[in-house]
PDB file of N, CA and C in Angstrom:
ATOM      1  N   MET A   1      20.967 -13.835 -13.188  1.00  0.00           N
ATOM      2  CA  MET A   1      20.792 -14.848 -12.172  1.00  0.00           C
ATOM      3  C   MET A   1      22.064 -15.687 -12.138  1.00  0.00           C
ATOM      4  N   ILE A   2      22.449 -16.098 -10.931  1.00  0.00           N
ATOM      5  CA  ILE A   2      23.609 -16.966 -10.773  1.00  0.00           C
ATOM      6  C   ILE A   2      23.167 -18.261 -10.100  1.00  0.00           C
ATOM      7  N   GLU A   3      23.992 -19.280 -10.241  1.00  0.00           N
ATOM      8  CA  GLU A   3      23.727 -20.545  -9.564  1.00  0.00           C
ATOM      9  C   GLU A   3      24.862 -20.796  -8.584  1.00  0.00           C
ATOM     10  N   LEU A   4      24.489 -21.110  -7.360  1.00  0.00           N
ATOM     11  CA  LEU A   4      25.466 -21.334  -6.306  1.00  0.00           C
ATOM     12  C   LEU A   4      24.996 -22.491  -5.433  1.00  0.00           C
ATOM     13  N   GLY A   5      25.767 -23.533  -5.371  1.00  0.00           N
ATOM     14  CA  GLY A   5      25.415 -24.674  -4.531  1.00  0.00           C
ATOM     15  C   GLY A   5      24.087 -25.313  -4.884  1.00  0.00           C
ATOM     16  N   GLY A   6      23.725 -25.270  -6.153  1.00  0.00           N
ATOM     17  CA  GLY A   6      22.482 -25.870  -6.592  1.00  0.00           C
ATOM     18  C   GLY A   6      21.263 -24.963  -6.497  1.00  0.00           C
ATOM     19  N   SER A   7      21.451 -23.759  -5.960  1.00  0.00           N
ATOM     20  CA  SER A   7      20.349 -22.793  -5.872  1.00  0.00           C
ATOM     21  C   SER A   7      20.523 -21.712  -6.932  1.00  0.00           C
ATOM     22  N   LYS A   8      19.422 -21.297  -7.512  1.00  0.00           N
ATOM     23  CA  LYS A   8      19.444 -20.189  -8.466  1.00  0.00           C
ATOM     24  C   LYS A   8      19.112 -18.918  -7.695  1.00  0.00           C
ATOM     25  N   ILE A   9      20.001 -17.927  -7.816  1.00  0.00           N
ATOM     26  CA  ILE A   9      19.904 -16.710  -7.019  1.00  0.00           C
ATOM     27  C   ILE A   9      19.735 -15.499  -7.923  1.00  0.00           C
ATOM     28  N   ALA A  10      18.697 -14.715  -7.647  1.00  0.00           N
ATOM     29  CA  ALA A  10      18.455 -13.462  -8.355  1.00  0.00           C
ATOM     30  C   ALA A  10      18.682 -12.311  -7.374  1.00  0.00           C
ATOM     31  N   THR A  11      18.870 -11.116  -7.907  1.00  0.00           N
ATOM     32  CA  THR A  11      19.095  -9.939  -7.080  1.00  0.00           C
ATOM     33  C   THR A  11      18.156  -8.812  -7.491  1.00  0.00           C
ATOM     34  N   LEU A  12      17.559  -8.180  -6.501  1.00  0.00           N
ATOM     35  CA  LEU A  12      16.845  -6.931  -6.700  1.00  0.00           C
ATOM     36  C   LEU A  12      17.579  -5.875  -5.894  1.00  0.00           C
ATOM     37  N   ILE A  13      17.347  -4.624  -6.201  1.00  0.00           N
ATOM     38  CA  ILE A  13      18.024  -3.558  -5.478  1.00  0.00           C
ATOM     39  C   ILE A  13      16.991  -2.682  -4.778  1.00  0.00           C
ATOM     40  N   CYS A  14      17.074  -2.623  -3.478  1.00  0.00           N
ATOM     41  CA  CYS A  14      16.331  -1.715  -2.617  1.00  0.00           C
ATOM     42  C   CYS A  14      14.852  -1.600  -2.970  1.00  0.00           C
ATOM     43  N   TYR A  15      14.445  -0.494  -3.525  1.00  0.00           N
ATOM     44  CA  TYR A  15      13.039  -0.170  -3.772  1.00  0.00           C
ATOM     45  C   TYR A  15      12.383  -1.140  -4.754  1.00  0.00           C
ATOM     46  N   ASP A  16      13.160  -1.810  -5.607  1.00  0.00           N
ATOM     47  CA  ASP A  16      12.595  -2.779  -6.553  1.00  0.00           C
ATOM     48  C   ASP A  16      11.779  -3.856  -5.836  1.00  0.00           C
ATOM     49  N   ALA A  17      12.172  -4.203  -4.626  1.00  0.00           N
ATOM     50  CA  ALA A  17      11.498  -5.273  -3.887  1.00  0.00           C
ATOM     51  C   ALA A  17      10.066  -4.908  -3.508  1.00  0.00           C
ATOM     52  N   GLU A  18       9.718  -3.634  -3.566  1.00  0.00           N
ATOM     53  CA  GLU A  18       8.360  -3.219  -3.199  1.00  0.00           C
ATOM     54  C   GLU A  18       7.357  -3.427  -4.331  1.00  0.00           C
ATOM     55  N   PHE A  19       7.824  -3.848  -5.491  1.00  0.00           N
ATOM     56  CA  PHE A  19       6.949  -4.104  -6.628  1.00  0.00           C
ATOM     57  C   PHE A  19       6.784  -5.612  -6.793  1.00  0.00           C
ATOM     58  N   PRO A  20       5.586  -6.152  -6.614  1.00  0.00           N
ATOM     59  CA  PRO A  20       5.379  -7.605  -6.596  1.00  0.00           C
ATOM     60  C   PRO A  20       5.781  -8.294  -7.894  1.00  0.00           C
ATOM     61  N   GLU A  21       5.679  -7.618  -9.015  1.00  0.00           N
ATOM     62  CA  GLU A  21       5.987  -8.274 -10.284  1.00  0.00           C
ATOM     63  C   GLU A  21       7.454  -8.674 -10.405  1.00  0.00           C
ATOM     64  N   TYR A  22       8.362  -7.973  -9.730  1.00  0.00           N
ATOM     65  CA  TYR A  22       9.782  -8.326  -9.839  1.00  0.00           C
ATOM     66  C   TYR A  22      10.090  -9.655  -9.148  1.00  0.00           C
ATOM     67  N   LEU A  23       9.521  -9.867  -7.975  1.00  0.00           N
ATOM     68  CA  LEU A  23       9.714 -11.156  -7.300  1.00  0.00           C
ATOM     69  C   LEU A  23       9.028 -12.277  -8.079  1.00  0.00           C
ATOM     70  N   CYS A  24       7.875 -11.987  -8.641  1.00  0.00           N
ATOM     71  CA  CYS A  24       7.167 -12.965  -9.461  1.00  0.00           C
ATOM     72  C   CYS A  24       7.997 -13.339 -10.687  1.00  0.00           C
ATOM     73  N   GLN A  25       8.585 -12.355 -11.353  1.00  0.00           N
ATOM     74  CA  GLN A  25       9.425 -12.623 -12.532  1.00  0.00           C
ATOM     75  C   GLN A  25      10.639 -13.466 -12.157  1.00  0.00           C
ATOM     76  N   ALA A  26      11.236 -13.191 -11.013  1.00  0.00           N
ATOM     77  CA  ALA A  26      12.387 -13.978 -10.567  1.00  0.00           C
ATOM     78  C   ALA A  26      11.981 -15.429 -10.341  1.00  0.00           C
ATOM     79  N   ALA A  27      10.830 -15.641  -9.704  1.00  0.00           N
ATOM     80  CA  ALA A  27      10.333 -16.996  -9.465  1.00  0.00           C
ATOM     81  C   ALA A  27      10.033 -17.710 -10.778  1.00  0.00           C
ATOM     82  N   LEU A  28       9.393 -17.008 -11.708  1.00  0.00           N
ATOM     83  CA  LEU A  28       9.079 -17.610 -13.006  1.00  0.00           C
ATOM     84  C   LEU A  28      10.340 -17.948 -13.808  1.00  0.00           C
ATOM     85  N   ALA A  29      11.419 -17.200 -13.563  1.00  0.00           N
ATOM     86  CA  ALA A  29      12.687 -17.467 -14.243  1.00  0.00           C
ATOM     87  C   ALA A  29      13.457 -18.609 -13.587  1.00  0.00           C
ATOM     88  N   GLY A  30      12.924 -19.127 -12.468  1.00  0.00           N
ATOM     89  CA  GLY A  30      13.534 -20.283 -11.819  1.00  0.00           C
ATOM     90  C   GLY A  30      14.341 -19.987 -10.577  1.00  0.00           C
ATOM     91  N   ALA A  31      14.290 -18.763 -10.071  1.00  0.00           N
ATOM     92  CA  ALA A  31      15.045 -18.425  -8.866  1.00  0.00           C
ATOM     93  C   ALA A  31      14.499 -19.167  -7.657  1.00  0.00           C
ATOM     94  N   ASP A  32      15.409 -19.587  -6.800  1.00  0.00           N
ATOM     95  CA  ASP A  32      15.061 -20.179  -5.507  1.00  0.00           C
ATOM     96  C   ASP A  32      15.192 -19.141  -4.399  1.00  0.00           C
ATOM     97  N   VAL A  33      16.118 -18.199  -4.617  1.00  0.00           N
ATOM     98  CA  VAL A  33      16.465 -17.184  -3.629  1.00  0.00           C
ATOM     99  C   VAL A  33      16.559 -15.834  -4.331  1.00  0.00           C
ATOM    100  N   VAL A  34      16.068 -14.792  -3.679  1.00  0.00           N
ATOM    101  CA  VAL A  34      16.244 -13.427  -4.169  1.00  0.00           C
ATOM    102  C   VAL A  34      16.932 -12.627  -3.069  1.00  0.00           C
ATOM    103  N   ILE A  35      18.057 -12.028  -3.404  1.00  0.00           N
ATOM    104  CA  ILE A  35      18.813 -11.201  -2.465  1.00  0.00           C
ATOM    105  C   ILE A  35      18.470  -9.742  -2.739  1.00  0.00           C
ATOM    106  N   VAL A  36      18.159  -9.002  -1.668  1.00  0.00           N
ATOM    107  CA  VAL A  36      17.769  -7.598  -1.807  1.00  0.00           C
ATOM    108  C   VAL A  36      18.579  -6.738  -0.836  1.00  0.00           C
ATOM    109  N   PRO A  37      19.696  -6.131  -1.298  1.00  0.00           N
ATOM    110  CA  PRO A  37      20.370  -5.150  -0.448  1.00  0.00           C
ATOM    111  C   PRO A  37      19.560  -3.857  -0.474  1.00  0.00           C
ATOM    112  N   THR A  38      19.484  -3.176   0.666  1.00  0.00           N
ATOM    113  CA  THR A  38      18.654  -1.974   0.737  1.00  0.00           C
ATOM    114  C   THR A  38      19.223  -0.956   1.707  1.00  0.00           C
ATOM    115  N   THR A  39      18.762   0.266   1.594  1.00  0.00           N
ATOM    116  CA  THR A  39      19.143   1.318   2.529  1.00  0.00           C
ATOM    117  C   THR A  39      17.925   1.868   3.246  1.00  0.00           C
ATOM    118  N   LEU A  40      16.818   1.125   3.223  1.00  0.00           N
ATOM    119  CA  LEU A  40      15.615   1.594   3.911  1.00  0.00           C
ATOM    120  C   LEU A  40      15.866   1.706   5.403  1.00  0.00           C
ATOM    121  N   LYS A  41      15.203   2.644   6.004  1.00  0.00           N
ATOM    122  CA  LYS A  41      15.358   2.905   7.431  1.00  0.00           C
ATOM    123  C   LYS A  41      14.464   1.988   8.262  1.00  0.00           C
ATOM    124  N   VAL A  42      14.715   1.943   9.552  1.00  0.00           N
ATOM    125  CA  VAL A  42      13.970   1.097  10.478  1.00  0.00           C
ATOM    126  C   VAL A  42      12.476   1.412  10.454  1.00  0.00           C
ATOM    127  N   GLN A  43      12.090   2.667  10.261  1.00  0.00           N
ATOM    128  CA  GLN A  43      10.673   3.011  10.292  1.00  0.00           C
ATOM    129  C   GLN A  43       9.881   2.360   9.165  1.00  0.00           C
ATOM    130  N   ARG A  44      10.540   1.678   8.230  1.00  0.00           N
ATOM    131  CA  ARG A  44       9.854   0.974   7.146  1.00  0.00           C
ATOM    132  C   ARG A  44       9.850  -0.530   7.407  1.00  0.00           C
ATOM    133  N   GLU A  45       9.775  -0.928   8.678  1.00  0.00           N
ATOM    134  CA  GLU A  45       9.847  -2.341   9.046  1.00  0.00           C
ATOM    135  C   GLU A  45       8.767  -3.192   8.398  1.00  0.00           C
ATOM    136  N   PHE A  46       7.619  -2.615   8.039  1.00  0.00           N
ATOM    137  CA  PHE A  46       6.560  -3.408   7.425  1.00  0.00           C
ATOM    138  C   PHE A  46       7.031  -4.047   6.123  1.00  0.00           C
ATOM    139  N   VAL A  47       8.015  -3.423   5.461  1.00  0.00           N
ATOM    140  CA  VAL A  47       8.523  -3.989   4.202  1.00  0.00           C
ATOM    141  C   VAL A  47       9.135  -5.357   4.470  1.00  0.00           C
ATOM    142  N   SER A  48      10.033  -5.432   5.438  1.00  0.00           N
ATOM    143  CA  SER A  48      10.690  -6.713   5.723  1.00  0.00           C
ATOM    144  C   SER A  48       9.819  -7.637   6.562  1.00  0.00           C
ATOM    145  N   ASP A  49       9.085  -7.096   7.508  1.00  0.00           N
ATOM    146  CA  ASP A  49       8.317  -7.929   8.431  1.00  0.00           C
ATOM    147  C   ASP A  49       7.059  -8.533   7.817  1.00  0.00           C
ATOM    148  N   SER A  50       6.436  -7.842   6.903  1.00  0.00           N
ATOM    149  CA  SER A  50       5.162  -8.313   6.360  1.00  0.00           C
ATOM    150  C   SER A  50       5.185  -8.505   4.851  1.00  0.00           C
ATOM    151  N   MET A  51       5.479  -7.447   4.143  1.00  0.00           N
ATOM    152  CA  MET A  51       5.328  -7.458   2.691  1.00  0.00           C
ATOM    153  C   MET A  51       6.234  -8.489   2.016  1.00  0.00           C
ATOM    154  N   LEU A  52       7.532  -8.460   2.305  1.00  0.00           N
ATOM    155  CA  LEU A  52       8.437  -9.390   1.623  1.00  0.00           C
ATOM    156  C   LEU A  52       8.242 -10.827   2.087  1.00  0.00           C
ATOM    157  N   SER A  53       7.883 -11.008   3.336  1.00  0.00           N
ATOM    158  CA  SER A  53       7.595 -12.363   3.823  1.00  0.00           C
ATOM    159  C   SER A  53       6.426 -12.967   3.058  1.00  0.00           C
ATOM    160  N   THR A  54       5.388 -12.172   2.876  1.00  0.00           N
ATOM    161  CA  THR A  54       4.207 -12.635   2.141  1.00  0.00           C
ATOM    162  C   THR A  54       4.553 -12.939   0.692  1.00  0.00           C
ATOM    163  N   ARG A  55       5.289 -12.053   0.053  1.00  0.00           N
ATOM    164  CA  ARG A  55       5.655 -12.261  -1.356  1.00  0.00           C
ATOM    165  C   ARG A  55       6.559 -13.467  -1.538  1.00  0.00           C
ATOM    166  N   ALA A  56       7.409 -13.738  -0.563  1.00  0.00           N
ATOM    167  CA  ALA A  56       8.266 -14.921  -0.647  1.00  0.00           C
ATOM    168  C   ALA A  56       7.410 -16.191  -0.631  1.00  0.00           C
ATOM    169  N   VAL A  57       6.437 -16.238   0.269  1.00  0.00           N
ATOM    170  CA  VAL A  57       5.560 -17.406   0.364  1.00  0.00           C
ATOM    171  C   VAL A  57       4.724 -17.556  -0.903  1.00  0.00           C
ATOM    172  N   VAL A  58       4.144 -16.467  -1.367  1.00  0.00           N
ATOM    173  CA  VAL A  58       3.291 -16.500  -2.556  1.00  0.00           C
ATOM    174  C   VAL A  58       4.060 -17.009  -3.773  1.00  0.00           C
ATOM    175  N   ASN A  59       5.332 -16.616  -3.883  1.00  0.00           N
ATOM    176  CA  ASN A  59       6.133 -16.983  -5.051  1.00  0.00           C
ATOM    177  C   ASN A  59       6.989 -18.228  -4.846  1.00  0.00           C
ATOM    178  N   GLY A  60       6.940 -18.807  -3.649  1.00  0.00           N
ATOM    179  CA  GLY A  60       7.659 -20.045  -3.383  1.00  0.00           C
ATOM    180  C   GLY A  60       9.165 -19.912  -3.435  1.00  0.00           C
ATOM    181  N   LEU A  61       9.683 -18.802  -2.882  1.00  0.00           N
ATOM    182  CA  LEU A  61      11.128 -18.624  -2.850  1.00  0.00           C
ATOM    183  C   LEU A  61      11.550 -17.964  -1.545  1.00  0.00           C
ATOM    184  N   TYR A  62      12.853 -17.927  -1.331  1.00  0.00           N
ATOM    185  CA  TYR A  62      13.407 -17.267  -0.155  1.00  0.00           C
ATOM    186  C   TYR A  62      13.820 -15.862  -0.549  1.00  0.00           C
ATOM    187  N   VAL A  63      13.617 -14.903   0.370  1.00  0.00           N
ATOM    188  CA  VAL A  63      14.068 -13.535   0.150  1.00  0.00           C
ATOM    189  C   VAL A  63      15.034 -13.178   1.271  1.00  0.00           C
ATOM    190  N   LEU A  64      16.248 -12.812   0.895  1.00  0.00           N
ATOM    191  CA  LEU A  64      17.248 -12.339   1.852  1.00  0.00           C
ATOM    192  C   LEU A  64      17.292 -10.831   1.732  1.00  0.00           C
ATOM    193  N   TYR A  65      16.837 -10.141   2.760  1.00  0.00           N
ATOM    194  CA  TYR A  65      16.683  -8.694   2.739  1.00  0.00           C
ATOM    195  C   TYR A  65      17.708  -8.099   3.690  1.00  0.00           C
ATOM    196  N   ALA A  66      18.703  -7.417   3.155  1.00  0.00           N
ATOM    197  CA  ALA A  66      19.811  -6.908   3.956  1.00  0.00           C
ATOM    198  C   ALA A  66      19.725  -5.391   4.095  1.00  0.00           C
ATOM    199  N   ILE A  67      19.344  -4.935   5.297  1.00  0.00           N
ATOM    200  CA  ILE A  67      19.246  -3.515   5.577  1.00  0.00           C
ATOM    201  C   ILE A  67      20.632  -3.015   5.975  1.00  0.00           C
ATOM    202  N   HIS A  68      20.946  -1.795   5.562  1.00  0.00           N
ATOM    203  CA  HIS A  68      22.263  -1.226   5.851  1.00  0.00           C
ATOM    204  C   HIS A  68      22.506  -1.101   7.350  1.00  0.00           C
ATOM    205  N   ALA A  69      23.780  -1.011   7.712  1.00  0.00           N
ATOM    206  CA  ALA A  69      24.164  -0.839   9.112  1.00  0.00           C
ATOM    207  C   ALA A  69      25.156   0.316   9.199  1.00  0.00           C
ATOM    208  N   GLY A  70      25.253   0.882  10.353  1.00  0.00           N
ATOM    209  CA  GLY A  70      26.216   1.971  10.550  1.00  0.00           C
ATOM    210  C   GLY A  70      25.573   3.335  10.465  1.00  0.00           C
ATOM    211  N   ALA A  71      26.422   4.347  10.572  1.00  0.00           N
ATOM    212  CA  ALA A  71      25.974   5.736  10.579  1.00  0.00           C
ATOM    213  C   ALA A  71      25.996   6.330   9.183  1.00  0.00           C
ATOM    214  N   GLU A  72      25.157   7.340   8.998  1.00  0.00           N
ATOM    215  CA  GLU A  72      25.118   8.088   7.749  1.00  0.00           C
ATOM    216  C   GLU A  72      25.400   9.538   8.047  1.00  0.00           C
ATOM    217  N   GLY A  73      26.126  10.180   7.177  1.00  0.00           N
ATOM    218  CA  GLY A  73      26.379  11.603   7.349  1.00  0.00           C
ATOM    219  C   GLY A  73      27.004  11.915   8.689  1.00  0.00           C
ATOM    220  N   ASN A  74      26.404  12.832   9.427  1.00  0.00           N
ATOM    221  CA  ASN A  74      26.928  13.240  10.732  1.00  0.00           C
ATOM    222  C   ASN A  74      26.316  12.484  11.908  1.00  0.00           C
ATOM    223  N   SER A  75      25.520  11.472  11.610  1.00  0.00           N
ATOM    224  CA  SER A  75      24.867  10.742  12.703  1.00  0.00           C
ATOM    225  C   SER A  75      25.697   9.583  13.196  1.00  0.00           C
TER     226      SER A  75
END
């Protein structure tokens, strides 16, 4: 965890955010913000639109969920 501008920031990586205990552990450790870089595709919008929003409220923290941009492979 790092501290920046008075906020304690934790990081999860991609699929880790789908497990509620990780966000709970970050909150219990004193995090105010959890940053989650991910490569999930658009068809998994329920993760960002519903699941992480709910977990952020339940744990009393902010979740910054950054989905990748750009092309992959030959697309």
